[in-house]
């Protein structure tokens, strides 16, 4: 059972290119978390300006946060994304 843990909110509306980068970020994060059994990204295909991240267990919070930060840097979104703990 996955529980909501983080919300990544994006402050820039850079048009279609920015939206595609956010969606690619959400899809890559989904794959990373699912492959490691850490969590889930519900509705990753519908991501535009915010991405909700769920964890499988509280002990995975740190690993999930690390994965979020890594994917933000990979997709050049670190300056635009704010991570909020739910």
C-alpha atoms as a PDB file:
ATOM      1  CA  UNK A   1       0.000   0.000   0.000  1.00  0.00           C
ATOM      2  CA  UNK A   2       1.497   3.302  -1.092  1.00  0.00           C
ATOM      3  CA  UNK A   3       0.992   6.454   0.980  1.00  0.00           C
ATOM      4  CA  UNK A   4       1.417  10.032  -0.316  1.00  0.00           C
ATOM      5  CA  UNK A   5       4.701  11.440   0.950  1.00  0.00           C
ATOM      6  CA  UNK A   6       6.005  14.198  -1.332  1.00  0.00           C
ATOM      7  CA  UNK A   7       4.642  16.737  -3.772  1.00  0.00           C
ATOM      8  CA  UNK A   8       6.946  18.301  -6.349  1.00  0.00           C
ATOM      9  CA  UNK A   9       5.549  21.646  -7.507  1.00  0.00           C
ATOM     10  CA  UNK A  10       6.957  23.460 -10.514  1.00  0.00           C
ATOM     11  CA  UNK A  11       7.002  27.250 -10.625  1.00  0.00           C
ATOM     12  CA  UNK A  12       7.727  27.882 -14.296  1.00  0.00           C
ATOM     13  CA  UNK A  13       5.268  27.684 -17.164  1.00  0.00           C
ATOM     14  CA  UNK A  14       7.683  27.390 -20.045  1.00  0.00           C
ATOM     15  CA  UNK A  15       5.176  26.044 -22.511  1.00  0.00           C
ATOM     16  CA  UNK A  16       5.089  22.682 -24.216  1.00  0.00           C
ATOM     17  CA  UNK A  17       8.828  21.974 -23.819  1.00  0.00           C
ATOM     18  CA  UNK A  18       8.647  22.539 -20.070  1.00  0.00           C
ATOM     19  CA  UNK A  19       5.534  20.375 -19.745  1.00  0.00           C
ATOM     20  CA  UNK A  20       7.256  17.569 -21.650  1.00  0.00           C
ATOM     21  CA  UNK A  21      10.275  17.794 -19.353  1.00  0.00           C
ATOM     22  CA  UNK A  22       7.990  17.529 -16.309  1.00  0.00           C
ATOM     23  CA  UNK A  23       6.249  14.489 -17.778  1.00  0.00           C
ATOM     24  CA  UNK A  24       9.574  12.852 -18.627  1.00  0.00           C
ATOM     25  CA  UNK A  25      10.736  13.554 -15.067  1.00  0.00           C
ATOM     26  CA  UNK A  26       7.580  11.932 -13.655  1.00  0.00           C
ATOM     27  CA  UNK A  27       7.899   8.869 -15.893  1.00  0.00           C
ATOM     28  CA  UNK A  28      11.591   8.344 -15.053  1.00  0.00           C
ATOM     29  CA  UNK A  29      10.893   8.797 -11.353  1.00  0.00           C
ATOM     30  CA  UNK A  30       8.018   6.288 -11.602  1.00  0.00           C
ATOM     31  CA  UNK A  31      10.315   3.710 -13.234  1.00  0.00           C
ATOM     32  CA  UNK A  32      13.080   4.262 -10.688  1.00  0.00           C
ATOM     33  CA  UNK A  33      10.815   3.961  -7.654  1.00  0.00           C
ATOM     34  CA  UNK A  34       8.919   0.938  -8.973  1.00  0.00           C
ATOM     35  CA  UNK A  35      12.110  -0.905  -9.972  1.00  0.00           C
ATOM     36  CA  UNK A  36      13.539  -0.488  -6.468  1.00  0.00           C
ATOM     37  CA  UNK A  37      10.219  -1.131  -4.702  1.00  0.00           C
ATOM     38  CA  UNK A  38      10.363   2.243  -2.950  1.00  0.00           C
ATOM     39  CA  UNK A  39       7.148   3.879  -4.062  1.00  0.00           C
ATOM     40  CA  UNK A  40       4.923   5.104  -6.862  1.00  0.00           C
ATOM     41  CA  UNK A  41       4.049   8.175  -8.910  1.00  0.00           C
ATOM     42  CA  UNK A  42       0.288   8.066  -9.456  1.00  0.00           C
ATOM     43  CA  UNK A  43      -0.918   9.765 -12.650  1.00  0.00           C
ATOM     44  CA  UNK A  44       2.616  10.313 -13.959  1.00  0.00           C
ATOM     45  CA  UNK A  45       1.305  10.658 -17.523  1.00  0.00           C
ATOM     46  CA  UNK A  46      -0.915  13.594 -16.512  1.00  0.00           C
ATOM     47  CA  UNK A  47       1.861  15.577 -14.807  1.00  0.00           C
ATOM     48  CA  UNK A  48       2.009  19.241 -15.852  1.00  0.00           C
ATOM     49  CA  UNK A  49       2.866  21.475 -12.900  1.00  0.00           C
ATOM     50  CA  UNK A  50       2.928  19.100  -9.920  1.00  0.00           C
ATOM     51  CA  UNK A  51       3.887  15.506  -9.280  1.00  0.00           C
ATOM     52  CA  UNK A  52       2.706  13.533  -6.256  1.00  0.00           C
ATOM     53  CA  UNK A  53       5.041  10.825  -4.992  1.00  0.00           C
ATOM     54  CA  UNK A  54       3.947   7.963  -2.735  1.00  0.00           C
ATOM     55  CA  UNK A  55       6.168   5.665  -0.668  1.00  0.00           C
ATOM     56  CA  UNK A  56       5.724   2.012   0.181  1.00  0.00           C
ATOM     57  CA  UNK A  57       7.047   2.397   3.753  1.00  0.00           C
ATOM     58  CA  UNK A  58       8.184   5.239   6.001  1.00  0.00           C
ATOM     59  CA  UNK A  59      11.715   3.827   6.087  1.00  0.00           C
ATOM     60  CA  UNK A  60      12.022   4.639   2.358  1.00  0.00           C
ATOM     61  CA  UNK A  61      11.431   8.397   2.742  1.00  0.00           C
ATOM     62  CA  UNK A  62      15.129   9.261   2.499  1.00  0.00           C
ATOM     63  CA  UNK A  63      15.762   7.063  -0.539  1.00  0.00           C
ATOM     64  CA  UNK A  64      12.699   8.466  -2.301  1.00  0.00           C
ATOM     65  CA  UNK A  65      13.771  12.050  -1.602  1.00  0.00           C
ATOM     66  CA  UNK A  66      17.233  11.260  -2.974  1.00  0.00           C
ATOM     67  CA  UNK A  67      15.668   9.756  -6.130  1.00  0.00           C
ATOM     68  CA  UNK A  68      13.477  12.855  -6.606  1.00  0.00           C
ATOM     69  CA  UNK A  69      16.478  15.190  -6.346  1.00  0.00           C
ATOM     70  CA  UNK A  70      18.515  13.052  -8.728  1.00  0.00           C
ATOM     71  CA  UNK A  71      15.776  13.030 -11.366  1.00  0.00           C
ATOM     72  CA  UNK A  72      15.220  16.795 -10.988  1.00  0.00           C
ATOM     73  CA  UNK A  73      18.907  17.382 -11.743  1.00  0.00           C
ATOM     74  CA  UNK A  74      18.872  14.879 -14.605  1.00  0.00           C
ATOM     75  CA  UNK A  75      15.971  16.689 -16.290  1.00  0.00           C
ATOM     76  CA  UNK A  76      17.339  20.191 -15.550  1.00  0.00           C
ATOM     77  CA  UNK A  77      14.340  20.996 -13.346  1.00  0.00           C
ATOM     78  CA  UNK A  78      16.084  21.476  -9.989  1.00  0.00           C
ATOM     79  CA  UNK A  79      15.745  25.260 -10.177  1.00  0.00           C
ATOM     80  CA  UNK A  80      12.029  25.023 -11.013  1.00  0.00           C
ATOM     81  CA  UNK A  81      10.864  22.270  -8.658  1.00  0.00           C
ATOM     82  CA  UNK A  82       9.949  22.656  -4.992  1.00  0.00           C
ATOM     83  CA  UNK A  83       9.682  19.473  -2.942  1.00  0.00           C
ATOM     84  CA  UNK A  84       6.986  19.553  -0.257  1.00  0.00           C
ATOM     85  CA  UNK A  85       6.619  16.830   2.389  1.00  0.00           C
ATOM     86  CA  UNK A  86       2.967  15.809   2.756  1.00  0.00           C
END
